[in-house]
Amino acid sequence: MIEIFAYAIGVMYTPGPVNLLGLNTGLNGHAKASTGYYFGVGSAMLLLFLSFGWLGSRLIGSDVLIIISILGCGYIATLAVKIFRASVTLGEDRTNERPLRYRQGLVLQLLNPKGVVATLPIATIQFPGAGIHGAGILVWSLALTVLAIGAPGSYAVVGHLLGKRIENPLFFTWFNRVMAALLFYVAGSIGYEFVYMPLLD
């Protein structure tokens, strides 16, 4: 059962659109105000774990994953544009952007094909392999949801701690641009891996 946590931590805590937005939120002074965002991410993961755990992998076929990937790419690119355009001032709230909310975390993670790819093996292979069925799926899904909430939350805390030590607003402007570029890259890589390549097959 340790393998379940090891896999979940390895997948959830690596950089991706959800965690990059958490880091950006912390650097821009919205770590605490964006708590709803982290819970939105966790809620999406809970829905995915329960759906796959109880209904199985047949719920998401390759055609559905392509549609989720297209929607996810568009949503990530939209967030990247907003971050790129954010103006920066010094102070507790460093940008004119509002903190991320619950709905944004929920939608982003539900449209993030990597969220689907992360939860599918756990719910359909590791749960049954460890003898986790019925109500046990709910208990384990709740535990893994706490990990999912902690992923963007921990990135936000790191961003907040780093952001407090930086006094030049130009840094935040360029950091936002780098984050936007990384999100565009993530959107492109998702589009290539989960849309373009499957369509070639």
N, C-alpha and C. Protein backbone atom coordinates (compact mmCIF):
# COMPACT_ATOMS: atom_id res chain seq x y z
N MET A 1 0.82 -1.22 0.00
CA MET A 1 0.00 0.00 0.00
C MET A 1 0.85 1.26 0.00
N ILE A 2 2.10 1.12 0.43
CA ILE A 2 3.02 2.25 0.37
C ILE A 2 3.21 2.68 -1.08
N GLU A 3 3.13 1.72 -1.99
CA GLU A 3 3.32 2.02 -3.41
C GLU A 3 2.27 3.01 -3.92
N ILE A 4 1.06 2.92 -3.37
CA ILE A 4 0.00 3.84 -3.79
C ILE A 4 0.39 5.27 -3.44
N PHE A 5 0.85 5.48 -2.19
CA PHE A 5 1.25 6.82 -1.77
C PHE A 5 2.48 7.28 -2.54
N ALA A 6 3.43 6.38 -2.76
CA ALA A 6 4.65 6.75 -3.48
C ALA A 6 4.32 7.22 -4.89
N TYR A 7 3.47 6.48 -5.57
CA TYR A 7 3.08 6.87 -6.93
C TYR A 7 2.32 8.20 -6.91
N ALA A 8 1.37 8.32 -5.97
CA ALA A 8 0.55 9.54 -5.90
C ALA A 8 1.42 10.77 -5.63
N ILE A 9 2.34 10.66 -4.70
CA ILE A 9 3.22 11.80 -4.39
C ILE A 9 4.09 12.12 -5.59
N GLY A 10 4.65 11.10 -6.21
CA GLY A 10 5.51 11.33 -7.37
C GLY A 10 4.78 12.04 -8.50
N VAL A 11 3.52 11.68 -8.72
CA VAL A 11 2.76 12.29 -9.81
C VAL A 11 2.20 13.66 -9.41
N MET A 12 1.67 13.76 -8.21
CA MET A 12 0.98 15.00 -7.80
C MET A 12 1.92 16.16 -7.50
N TYR A 13 3.13 15.86 -7.04
CA TYR A 13 4.02 16.93 -6.58
C TYR A 13 5.07 17.36 -7.60
N THR A 14 5.04 16.77 -8.78
CA THR A 14 5.94 17.24 -9.83
C THR A 14 5.33 18.46 -10.50
N PRO A 15 6.14 19.32 -11.12
CA PRO A 15 5.59 20.53 -11.75
C PRO A 15 4.61 20.20 -12.86
N GLY A 16 3.52 20.89 -12.86
CA GLY A 16 2.49 20.78 -13.88
C GLY A 16 1.65 22.05 -13.80
N PRO A 17 0.61 22.17 -14.58
CA PRO A 17 -0.15 23.43 -14.59
C PRO A 17 -0.73 23.78 -13.23
N VAL A 18 -1.24 22.80 -12.50
CA VAL A 18 -1.86 23.04 -11.20
C VAL A 18 -0.83 23.57 -10.20
N ASN A 19 0.33 22.91 -10.15
CA ASN A 19 1.37 23.32 -9.20
C ASN A 19 2.07 24.61 -9.62
N LEU A 20 2.26 24.81 -10.92
CA LEU A 20 2.87 26.07 -11.38
C LEU A 20 1.99 27.26 -11.02
N LEU A 21 0.68 27.09 -11.15
CA LEU A 21 -0.23 28.17 -10.75
C LEU A 21 -0.18 28.39 -9.24
N GLY A 22 0.00 27.30 -8.47
CA GLY A 22 0.16 27.45 -7.02
C GLY A 22 1.41 28.24 -6.68
N LEU A 23 2.51 27.94 -7.34
CA LEU A 23 3.76 28.68 -7.13
C LEU A 23 3.59 30.15 -7.48
N ASN A 24 2.97 30.40 -8.62
CA ASN A 24 2.75 31.78 -9.06
C ASN A 24 1.86 32.53 -8.07
N THR A 25 0.86 31.86 -7.56
CA THR A 25 -0.04 32.46 -6.58
C THR A 25 0.72 32.88 -5.33
N GLY A 26 1.59 31.99 -4.84
CA GLY A 26 2.38 32.31 -3.66
C GLY A 26 3.33 33.46 -3.88
N LEU A 27 4.02 33.45 -5.01
CA LEU A 27 4.97 34.52 -5.31
C LEU A 27 4.28 35.88 -5.42
N ASN A 28 3.04 35.87 -5.85
CA ASN A 28 2.32 37.12 -6.04
C ASN A 28 1.47 37.52 -4.84
N GLY A 29 1.70 36.86 -3.70
CA GLY A 29 1.08 37.28 -2.45
C GLY A 29 -0.34 36.79 -2.23
N HIS A 30 -0.77 35.75 -2.94
CA HIS A 30 -2.14 35.26 -2.79
C HIS A 30 -2.20 33.84 -2.24
N ALA A 31 -1.14 33.37 -1.58
CA ALA A 31 -1.11 31.97 -1.13
C ALA A 31 -2.28 31.66 -0.21
N LYS A 32 -2.51 32.49 0.79
CA LYS A 32 -3.57 32.23 1.76
C LYS A 32 -4.95 32.45 1.14
N ALA A 33 -5.07 33.50 0.34
CA ALA A 33 -6.36 33.83 -0.26
C ALA A 33 -6.81 32.83 -1.31
N SER A 34 -5.88 32.00 -1.78
CA SER A 34 -6.21 31.02 -2.82
C SER A 34 -6.46 29.63 -2.26
N THR A 35 -6.77 29.54 -0.97
CA THR A 35 -7.03 28.24 -0.34
C THR A 35 -8.13 27.48 -1.07
N GLY A 36 -9.16 28.18 -1.53
CA GLY A 36 -10.24 27.54 -2.26
C GLY A 36 -9.75 26.81 -3.50
N TYR A 37 -8.74 27.39 -4.16
CA TYR A 37 -8.15 26.77 -5.35
C TYR A 37 -7.59 25.39 -5.03
N TYR A 38 -6.87 25.29 -3.91
CA TYR A 38 -6.27 24.01 -3.53
C TYR A 38 -7.37 22.97 -3.25
N PHE A 39 -8.44 23.42 -2.61
CA PHE A 39 -9.55 22.50 -2.31
C PHE A 39 -10.30 22.13 -3.59
N GLY A 40 -10.35 23.04 -4.55
CA GLY A 40 -10.94 22.71 -5.84
C GLY A 40 -10.16 21.62 -6.54
N VAL A 41 -8.84 21.73 -6.50
CA VAL A 41 -7.98 20.68 -7.08
C VAL A 41 -8.23 19.35 -6.39
N GLY A 42 -8.28 19.39 -5.05
CA GLY A 42 -8.53 18.17 -4.29
C GLY A 42 -9.89 17.57 -4.59
N SER A 43 -10.91 18.41 -4.74
CA SER A 43 -12.25 17.92 -5.05
C SER A 43 -12.29 17.22 -6.40
N ALA A 44 -11.57 17.79 -7.37
CA ALA A 44 -11.51 17.17 -8.69
C ALA A 44 -10.85 15.80 -8.61
N MET A 45 -9.77 15.71 -7.85
CA MET A 45 -9.08 14.42 -7.70
C MET A 45 -9.97 13.41 -6.99
N LEU A 46 -10.73 13.86 -5.99
CA LEU A 46 -11.65 12.96 -5.29
C LEU A 46 -12.70 12.41 -6.26
N LEU A 47 -13.26 13.28 -7.08
CA LEU A 47 -14.24 12.85 -8.08
C LEU A 47 -13.64 11.82 -9.03
N LEU A 48 -12.39 12.08 -9.46
CA LEU A 48 -11.74 11.15 -10.39
C LEU A 48 -11.46 9.81 -9.73
N PHE A 49 -10.92 9.84 -8.50
CA PHE A 49 -10.64 8.59 -7.80
C PHE A 49 -11.90 7.76 -7.59
N LEU A 50 -12.97 8.42 -7.14
CA LEU A 50 -14.21 7.68 -6.88
C LEU A 50 -14.83 7.16 -8.18
N SER A 51 -14.82 8.01 -9.22
CA SER A 51 -15.40 7.59 -10.50
C SER A 51 -14.67 6.38 -11.06
N PHE A 52 -13.35 6.46 -11.10
CA PHE A 52 -12.58 5.34 -11.65
C PHE A 52 -12.60 4.13 -10.73
N GLY A 53 -12.56 4.38 -9.42
CA GLY A 53 -12.55 3.28 -8.47
C GLY A 53 -13.83 2.48 -8.49
N TRP A 54 -14.96 3.15 -8.64
CA TRP A 54 -16.24 2.45 -8.60
C TRP A 54 -16.73 2.06 -9.98
N LEU A 55 -16.42 2.85 -11.00
CA LEU A 55 -16.94 2.56 -12.33
C LEU A 55 -15.91 1.92 -13.25
N GLY A 56 -14.64 2.08 -12.89
CA GLY A 56 -13.60 1.44 -13.68
C GLY A 56 -13.11 2.28 -14.84
N SER A 57 -12.13 1.77 -15.54
CA SER A 57 -11.47 2.50 -16.62
C SER A 57 -12.37 2.68 -17.84
N ARG A 58 -13.46 1.91 -17.92
CA ARG A 58 -14.34 2.04 -19.09
C ARG A 58 -15.01 3.41 -19.15
N LEU A 59 -14.96 4.15 -18.03
CA LEU A 59 -15.58 5.47 -18.00
C LEU A 59 -14.89 6.45 -18.94
N ILE A 60 -13.58 6.31 -19.08
CA ILE A 60 -12.81 7.22 -19.93
C ILE A 60 -12.16 6.42 -21.06
N GLY A 61 -12.71 6.55 -22.25
CA GLY A 61 -12.10 5.94 -23.43
C GLY A 61 -11.15 6.93 -24.08
N SER A 62 -10.47 6.51 -25.12
CA SER A 62 -9.49 7.38 -25.78
C SER A 62 -10.16 8.60 -26.42
N ASP A 63 -11.39 8.44 -26.93
CA ASP A 63 -12.09 9.59 -27.53
C ASP A 63 -12.42 10.65 -26.49
N VAL A 64 -12.84 10.21 -25.32
CA VAL A 64 -13.18 11.15 -24.24
C VAL A 64 -11.92 11.86 -23.76
N LEU A 65 -10.81 11.13 -23.64
CA LEU A 65 -9.56 11.73 -23.19
C LEU A 65 -9.08 12.80 -24.17
N ILE A 66 -9.29 12.60 -25.46
CA ILE A 66 -8.91 13.61 -26.45
C ILE A 66 -9.73 14.88 -26.25
N ILE A 67 -11.02 14.74 -26.01
CA ILE A 67 -11.89 15.91 -25.79
C ILE A 67 -11.47 16.64 -24.51
N ILE A 68 -11.23 15.88 -23.42
CA ILE A 68 -10.76 16.49 -22.17
C ILE A 68 -9.45 17.23 -22.41
N SER A 69 -8.56 16.64 -23.19
CA SER A 69 -7.26 17.24 -23.46
C SER A 69 -7.40 18.55 -24.24
N ILE A 70 -8.28 18.59 -25.22
CA ILE A 70 -8.49 19.81 -26.00
C ILE A 70 -9.02 20.92 -25.11
N LEU A 71 -10.03 20.59 -24.29
CA LEU A 71 -10.60 21.58 -23.37
C LEU A 71 -9.55 22.04 -22.35
N GLY A 72 -8.77 21.08 -21.85
CA GLY A 72 -7.74 21.41 -20.88
C GLY A 72 -6.67 22.31 -21.46
N CYS A 73 -6.24 22.05 -22.68
CA CYS A 73 -5.24 22.91 -23.35
C CYS A 73 -5.75 24.34 -23.47
N GLY A 74 -7.00 24.47 -23.87
CA GLY A 74 -7.59 25.80 -24.01
C GLY A 74 -7.67 26.53 -22.68
N TYR A 75 -8.05 25.81 -21.63
CA TYR A 75 -8.18 26.44 -20.30
C TYR A 75 -6.82 26.85 -19.77
N ILE A 76 -5.82 26.00 -19.91
CA ILE A 76 -4.46 26.31 -19.44
C ILE A 76 -3.90 27.51 -20.21
N ALA A 77 -4.13 27.55 -21.51
CA ALA A 77 -3.65 28.68 -22.32
C ALA A 77 -4.33 29.98 -21.90
N THR A 78 -5.61 29.92 -21.57
CA THR A 78 -6.33 31.12 -21.10
C THR A 78 -5.73 31.63 -19.80
N LEU A 79 -5.44 30.72 -18.87
CA LEU A 79 -4.81 31.12 -17.61
C LEU A 79 -3.42 31.71 -17.86
N ALA A 80 -2.69 31.14 -18.81
CA ALA A 80 -1.36 31.66 -19.14
C ALA A 80 -1.44 33.10 -19.65
N VAL A 81 -2.42 33.39 -20.48
CA VAL A 81 -2.60 34.75 -20.99
C VAL A 81 -2.89 35.72 -19.85
N LYS A 82 -3.75 35.31 -18.91
CA LYS A 82 -4.08 36.17 -17.76
C LYS A 82 -2.84 36.46 -16.92
N ILE A 83 -2.03 35.43 -16.69
CA ILE A 83 -0.82 35.62 -15.89
C ILE A 83 0.17 36.51 -16.63
N PHE A 84 0.31 36.32 -17.93
CA PHE A 84 1.24 37.13 -18.72
C PHE A 84 0.87 38.61 -18.67
N ARG A 85 -0.43 38.90 -18.68
CA ARG A 85 -0.89 40.29 -18.72
C ARG A 85 -0.97 40.96 -17.36
N ALA A 86 -0.78 40.20 -16.27
CA ALA A 86 -0.93 40.76 -14.92
C ALA A 86 0.11 41.84 -14.68
N SER A 87 -0.34 43.00 -14.18
CA SER A 87 0.60 44.06 -13.81
C SER A 87 1.05 43.83 -12.37
N VAL A 88 2.22 44.33 -12.04
CA VAL A 88 2.83 44.02 -10.75
C VAL A 88 3.14 45.29 -9.98
N THR A 89 2.80 45.26 -8.68
CA THR A 89 3.21 46.30 -7.74
C THR A 89 3.69 45.58 -6.49
N LEU A 90 4.45 46.27 -5.65
CA LEU A 90 4.89 45.66 -4.40
C LEU A 90 3.83 45.86 -3.34
N GLY A 91 3.84 45.00 -2.35
CA GLY A 91 2.84 45.04 -1.30
C GLY A 91 2.36 43.63 -1.04
N GLU A 92 1.38 43.48 -0.16
CA GLU A 92 0.89 42.14 0.20
C GLU A 92 0.28 41.45 -1.00
N ASP A 93 -0.54 42.17 -1.78
CA ASP A 93 -1.07 41.63 -3.02
C ASP A 93 -0.28 42.23 -4.15
N ARG A 94 0.59 41.48 -4.77
CA ARG A 94 1.56 42.03 -5.70
C ARG A 94 1.04 42.20 -7.11
N THR A 95 -0.07 41.61 -7.45
CA THR A 95 -0.58 41.77 -8.80
C THR A 95 -2.01 42.25 -8.76
N ASN A 96 -2.50 42.72 -9.90
CA ASN A 96 -3.88 43.15 -9.98
C ASN A 96 -4.82 41.97 -10.21
N GLU A 97 -4.26 40.76 -10.28
CA GLU A 97 -5.07 39.56 -10.45
C GLU A 97 -5.70 39.18 -9.12
N ARG A 98 -6.91 38.66 -9.19
CA ARG A 98 -7.56 38.16 -7.98
C ARG A 98 -6.98 36.80 -7.63
N PRO A 99 -7.09 36.40 -6.35
CA PRO A 99 -6.63 35.06 -5.98
C PRO A 99 -7.40 33.99 -6.76
N LEU A 100 -6.78 32.85 -6.92
CA LEU A 100 -7.45 31.73 -7.58
C LEU A 100 -8.54 31.19 -6.66
N ARG A 101 -9.62 30.73 -7.25
CA ARG A 101 -10.78 30.27 -6.48
C ARG A 101 -11.02 28.77 -6.64
N TYR A 102 -11.96 28.27 -5.84
CA TYR A 102 -12.31 26.85 -5.83
C TYR A 102 -12.68 26.36 -7.23
N ARG A 103 -13.54 27.10 -7.91
CA ARG A 103 -14.01 26.68 -9.23
C ARG A 103 -12.86 26.54 -10.22
N GLN A 104 -11.88 27.46 -10.15
CA GLN A 104 -10.74 27.39 -11.06
C GLN A 104 -9.90 26.14 -10.81
N GLY A 105 -9.69 25.78 -9.56
CA GLY A 105 -8.95 24.57 -9.24
C GLY A 105 -9.70 23.32 -9.67
N LEU A 106 -11.01 23.31 -9.45
CA LEU A 106 -11.83 22.17 -9.83
C LEU A 106 -11.83 21.97 -11.34
N VAL A 107 -12.10 23.04 -12.08
CA VAL A 107 -12.18 22.95 -13.54
C VAL A 107 -10.82 22.60 -14.13
N LEU A 108 -9.77 23.27 -13.65
CA LEU A 108 -8.43 23.00 -14.19
C LEU A 108 -8.05 21.54 -14.00
N GLN A 109 -8.28 21.00 -12.82
CA GLN A 109 -7.85 19.62 -12.59
C GLN A 109 -8.75 18.62 -13.32
N LEU A 110 -10.03 18.91 -13.45
CA LEU A 110 -10.90 18.00 -14.21
C LEU A 110 -10.55 18.00 -15.70
N LEU A 111 -10.05 19.15 -16.20
CA LEU A 111 -9.68 19.25 -17.61
C LEU A 111 -8.21 18.95 -17.86
N ASN A 112 -7.51 18.60 -16.81
CA ASN A 112 -6.08 18.30 -16.91
C ASN A 112 -5.93 16.80 -17.19
N PRO A 113 -5.56 16.43 -18.42
CA PRO A 113 -5.45 14.99 -18.71
C PRO A 113 -4.43 14.28 -17.84
N LYS A 114 -3.47 15.03 -17.31
CA LYS A 114 -2.50 14.39 -16.42
C LYS A 114 -3.14 14.00 -15.10
N GLY A 115 -4.20 14.71 -14.70
CA GLY A 115 -4.96 14.31 -13.52
C GLY A 115 -5.65 12.98 -13.75
N VAL A 116 -6.21 12.82 -14.96
CA VAL A 116 -6.85 11.56 -15.33
C VAL A 116 -5.81 10.45 -15.38
N VAL A 117 -4.68 10.73 -16.02
CA VAL A 117 -3.62 9.73 -16.15
C VAL A 117 -3.06 9.36 -14.78
N ALA A 118 -3.04 10.32 -13.84
CA ALA A 118 -2.52 10.04 -12.50
C ALA A 118 -3.47 9.16 -11.70
N THR A 119 -4.77 9.43 -11.78
CA THR A 119 -5.73 8.71 -10.95
C THR A 119 -6.11 7.35 -11.51
N LEU A 120 -6.10 7.21 -12.83
CA LEU A 120 -6.57 5.98 -13.46
C LEU A 120 -5.80 4.74 -13.00
N PRO A 121 -4.45 4.74 -13.02
CA PRO A 121 -3.73 3.54 -12.58
C PRO A 121 -3.95 3.22 -11.10
N ILE A 122 -4.07 4.26 -10.27
CA ILE A 122 -4.29 4.02 -8.84
C ILE A 122 -5.64 3.36 -8.63
N ALA A 123 -6.68 3.95 -9.23
CA ALA A 123 -8.05 3.48 -8.98
C ALA A 123 -8.35 2.14 -9.65
N THR A 124 -7.76 1.90 -10.80
CA THR A 124 -8.13 0.68 -11.55
C THR A 124 -7.12 -0.46 -11.42
N ILE A 125 -5.89 -0.16 -11.00
CA ILE A 125 -4.88 -1.21 -10.87
C ILE A 125 -4.42 -1.38 -9.42
N GLN A 126 -3.98 -0.26 -8.80
CA GLN A 126 -3.42 -0.36 -7.47
C GLN A 126 -4.49 -0.64 -6.40
N PHE A 127 -5.65 0.01 -6.49
CA PHE A 127 -6.71 -0.27 -5.51
C PHE A 127 -7.10 -1.75 -5.53
N PRO A 128 -7.49 -2.31 -6.69
CA PRO A 128 -7.86 -3.73 -6.69
C PRO A 128 -6.70 -4.64 -6.29
N GLY A 129 -5.48 -4.28 -6.70
CA GLY A 129 -4.31 -5.08 -6.36
C GLY A 129 -4.04 -5.13 -4.87
N ALA A 130 -4.42 -4.08 -4.17
CA ALA A 130 -4.23 -4.02 -2.71
C ALA A 130 -5.48 -4.48 -1.97
N GLY A 131 -6.49 -4.96 -2.70
CA GLY A 131 -7.72 -5.43 -2.07
C GLY A 131 -8.61 -4.31 -1.56
N ILE A 132 -8.50 -3.14 -2.19
CA ILE A 132 -9.31 -1.99 -1.78
C ILE A 132 -10.56 -1.95 -2.65
N HIS A 133 -11.72 -2.15 -2.03
CA HIS A 133 -12.99 -2.18 -2.74
C HIS A 133 -14.05 -1.46 -1.91
N GLY A 134 -15.21 -1.19 -2.52
CA GLY A 134 -16.36 -0.65 -1.81
C GLY A 134 -16.04 0.61 -1.02
N ALA A 135 -16.35 0.58 0.29
CA ALA A 135 -16.12 1.75 1.14
C ALA A 135 -14.64 2.08 1.28
N GLY A 136 -13.79 1.06 1.12
CA GLY A 136 -12.34 1.30 1.19
C GLY A 136 -11.87 2.26 0.12
N ILE A 137 -12.53 2.25 -1.02
CA ILE A 137 -12.19 3.19 -2.10
C ILE A 137 -12.42 4.61 -1.63
N LEU A 138 -13.53 4.83 -0.91
CA LEU A 138 -13.82 6.18 -0.40
C LEU A 138 -12.76 6.62 0.60
N VAL A 139 -12.39 5.75 1.53
CA VAL A 139 -11.39 6.09 2.55
C VAL A 139 -10.06 6.43 1.91
N TRP A 140 -9.60 5.58 0.99
CA TRP A 140 -8.32 5.83 0.33
C TRP A 140 -8.37 7.06 -0.56
N SER A 141 -9.49 7.27 -1.22
CA SER A 141 -9.64 8.45 -2.08
C SER A 141 -9.58 9.73 -1.26
N LEU A 142 -10.18 9.71 -0.08
CA LEU A 142 -10.12 10.89 0.80
C LEU A 142 -8.69 11.16 1.25
N ALA A 143 -7.95 10.09 1.59
CA ALA A 143 -6.55 10.27 2.00
C ALA A 143 -5.72 10.84 0.86
N LEU A 144 -5.93 10.33 -0.35
CA LEU A 144 -5.19 10.82 -1.50
C LEU A 144 -5.61 12.24 -1.88
N THR A 145 -6.86 12.59 -1.56
CA THR A 145 -7.34 13.96 -1.81
C THR A 145 -6.57 14.95 -0.95
N VAL A 146 -6.26 14.57 0.28
CA VAL A 146 -5.46 15.45 1.15
C VAL A 146 -4.10 15.71 0.51
N LEU A 147 -3.49 14.68 -0.06
CA LEU A 147 -2.22 14.85 -0.78
C LEU A 147 -2.40 15.80 -1.96
N ALA A 148 -3.52 15.65 -2.67
CA ALA A 148 -3.78 16.48 -3.85
C ALA A 148 -3.95 17.95 -3.47
N ILE A 149 -4.58 18.21 -2.33
CA ILE A 149 -4.74 19.58 -1.85
C ILE A 149 -3.37 20.17 -1.49
N GLY A 150 -2.53 19.32 -0.89
CA GLY A 150 -1.21 19.77 -0.44
C GLY A 150 -0.24 20.10 -1.57
N ALA A 151 -0.46 19.53 -2.75
CA ALA A 151 0.50 19.76 -3.84
C ALA A 151 0.54 21.23 -4.26
N PRO A 152 -0.55 21.82 -4.76
CA PRO A 152 -0.47 23.24 -5.12
C PRO A 152 -0.29 24.12 -3.90
N GLY A 153 -0.80 23.66 -2.74
CA GLY A 153 -0.63 24.43 -1.51
C GLY A 153 0.83 24.55 -1.11
N SER A 154 1.59 23.46 -1.24
CA SER A 154 3.00 23.50 -0.88
C SER A 154 3.79 24.37 -1.85
N TYR A 155 3.44 24.32 -3.14
CA TYR A 155 4.09 25.19 -4.12
C TYR A 155 3.79 26.66 -3.80
N ALA A 156 2.57 26.93 -3.36
CA ALA A 156 2.20 28.31 -3.01
C ALA A 156 2.98 28.80 -1.80
N VAL A 157 3.17 27.93 -0.81
CA VAL A 157 3.94 28.31 0.38
C VAL A 157 5.39 28.62 0.00
N VAL A 158 5.99 27.77 -0.85
CA VAL A 158 7.36 28.04 -1.31
C VAL A 158 7.41 29.37 -2.06
N GLY A 159 6.43 29.60 -2.93
CA GLY A 159 6.38 30.87 -3.65
C GLY A 159 6.24 32.05 -2.72
N HIS A 160 5.41 31.90 -1.69
CA HIS A 160 5.20 32.97 -0.72
C HIS A 160 6.50 33.29 0.03
N LEU A 161 7.20 32.25 0.47
CA LEU A 161 8.46 32.45 1.20
C LEU A 161 9.52 33.11 0.32
N LEU A 162 9.60 32.68 -0.94
CA LEU A 162 10.56 33.30 -1.85
C LEU A 162 10.14 34.74 -2.17
N GLY A 163 8.86 34.94 -2.38
CA GLY A 163 8.35 36.26 -2.76
C GLY A 163 8.59 37.32 -1.70
N LYS A 164 8.57 36.93 -0.43
CA LYS A 164 8.79 37.90 0.66
C LYS A 164 10.22 38.42 0.67
N ARG A 165 11.15 37.69 0.05
CA ARG A 165 12.56 38.09 0.06
C ARG A 165 12.94 38.92 -1.16
N ILE A 166 12.00 39.09 -2.07
CA ILE A 166 12.30 39.80 -3.31
C ILE A 166 11.61 41.16 -3.30
N GLU A 167 12.37 42.21 -3.54
CA GLU A 167 11.81 43.56 -3.44
C GLU A 167 11.69 44.28 -4.77
N ASN A 168 12.21 43.72 -5.82
CA ASN A 168 12.16 44.38 -7.12
C ASN A 168 10.92 43.91 -7.89
N PRO A 169 9.98 44.82 -8.20
CA PRO A 169 8.76 44.41 -8.91
C PRO A 169 9.04 43.84 -10.30
N LEU A 170 10.18 44.21 -10.89
CA LEU A 170 10.52 43.69 -12.21
C LEU A 170 10.67 42.16 -12.18
N PHE A 171 11.16 41.63 -11.04
CA PHE A 171 11.29 40.18 -10.91
C PHE A 171 9.93 39.51 -11.09
N PHE A 172 8.90 40.05 -10.44
CA PHE A 172 7.57 39.44 -10.50
C PHE A 172 6.97 39.54 -11.90
N THR A 173 7.26 40.65 -12.58
CA THR A 173 6.78 40.79 -13.95
C THR A 173 7.39 39.71 -14.83
N TRP A 174 8.69 39.52 -14.72
CA TRP A 174 9.36 38.51 -15.54
C TRP A 174 9.01 37.10 -15.09
N PHE A 175 8.85 36.92 -13.78
CA PHE A 175 8.46 35.60 -13.31
C PHE A 175 7.09 35.23 -13.87
N ASN A 176 6.15 36.17 -13.86
CA ASN A 176 4.82 35.90 -14.42
C ASN A 176 4.93 35.51 -15.90
N ARG A 177 5.83 36.18 -16.61
CA ARG A 177 6.00 35.87 -18.04
C ARG A 177 6.60 34.48 -18.23
N VAL A 178 7.54 34.12 -17.37
CA VAL A 178 8.13 32.78 -17.45
C VAL A 178 7.08 31.73 -17.11
N MET A 179 6.27 32.00 -16.06
CA MET A 179 5.20 31.06 -15.70
C MET A 179 4.20 30.92 -16.84
N ALA A 180 3.86 32.04 -17.47
CA ALA A 180 2.94 32.00 -18.62
C ALA A 180 3.53 31.16 -19.75
N ALA A 181 4.84 31.36 -20.01
CA ALA A 181 5.49 30.59 -21.07
C ALA A 181 5.49 29.09 -20.73
N LEU A 182 5.75 28.76 -19.46
CA LEU A 182 5.73 27.36 -19.04
C LEU A 182 4.33 26.76 -19.19
N LEU A 183 3.31 27.54 -18.85
CA LEU A 183 1.94 27.05 -19.00
C LEU A 183 1.59 26.84 -20.48
N PHE A 184 2.05 27.76 -21.34
CA PHE A 184 1.85 27.56 -22.78
C PHE A 184 2.54 26.28 -23.24
N TYR A 185 3.75 26.06 -22.71
CA TYR A 185 4.49 24.84 -23.05
C TYR A 185 3.72 23.59 -22.58
N VAL A 186 3.20 23.65 -21.34
CA VAL A 186 2.42 22.53 -20.80
C VAL A 186 1.20 22.27 -21.68
N ALA A 187 0.50 23.34 -22.06
CA ALA A 187 -0.68 23.19 -22.93
C ALA A 187 -0.28 22.55 -24.26
N GLY A 188 0.84 23.00 -24.82
CA GLY A 188 1.32 22.43 -26.08
C GLY A 188 1.71 20.98 -25.94
N SER A 189 2.40 20.63 -24.84
CA SER A 189 2.83 19.24 -24.65
C SER A 189 1.63 18.32 -24.42
N ILE A 190 0.63 18.82 -23.70
CA ILE A 190 -0.59 18.04 -23.50
C ILE A 190 -1.29 17.83 -24.84
N GLY A 191 -1.37 18.91 -25.63
CA GLY A 191 -1.98 18.80 -26.94
C GLY A 191 -1.26 17.81 -27.83
N TYR A 192 0.07 17.82 -27.77
CA TYR A 192 0.86 16.90 -28.59
C TYR A 192 0.68 15.46 -28.13
N GLU A 193 0.82 15.24 -26.79
CA GLU A 193 0.81 13.88 -26.26
C GLU A 193 -0.58 13.25 -26.25
N PHE A 194 -1.61 14.05 -25.91
CA PHE A 194 -2.94 13.48 -25.69
C PHE A 194 -3.94 13.77 -26.80
N VAL A 195 -3.56 14.64 -27.76
CA VAL A 195 -4.47 14.93 -28.88
C VAL A 195 -3.83 14.54 -30.21
N TYR A 196 -2.68 15.15 -30.51
CA TYR A 196 -2.05 14.94 -31.81
C TYR A 196 -1.61 13.48 -32.01
N MET A 197 -0.84 12.94 -31.05
CA MET A 197 -0.34 11.58 -31.20
C MET A 197 -1.46 10.53 -31.28
N PRO A 198 -2.48 10.59 -30.42
CA PRO A 198 -3.57 9.60 -30.56
C PRO A 198 -4.31 9.70 -31.89
N LEU A 199 -4.40 10.91 -32.44
CA LEU A 199 -5.09 11.07 -33.72
C LEU A 199 -4.30 10.45 -34.88
N LEU A 200 -2.97 10.33 -34.70
CA LEU A 200 -2.13 9.70 -35.73
C LEU A 200 -2.32 8.19 -35.77
N ASP A 201 -2.69 7.62 -34.61
CA ASP A 201 -2.84 6.15 -34.53
C ASP A 201 -4.06 5.66 -35.28
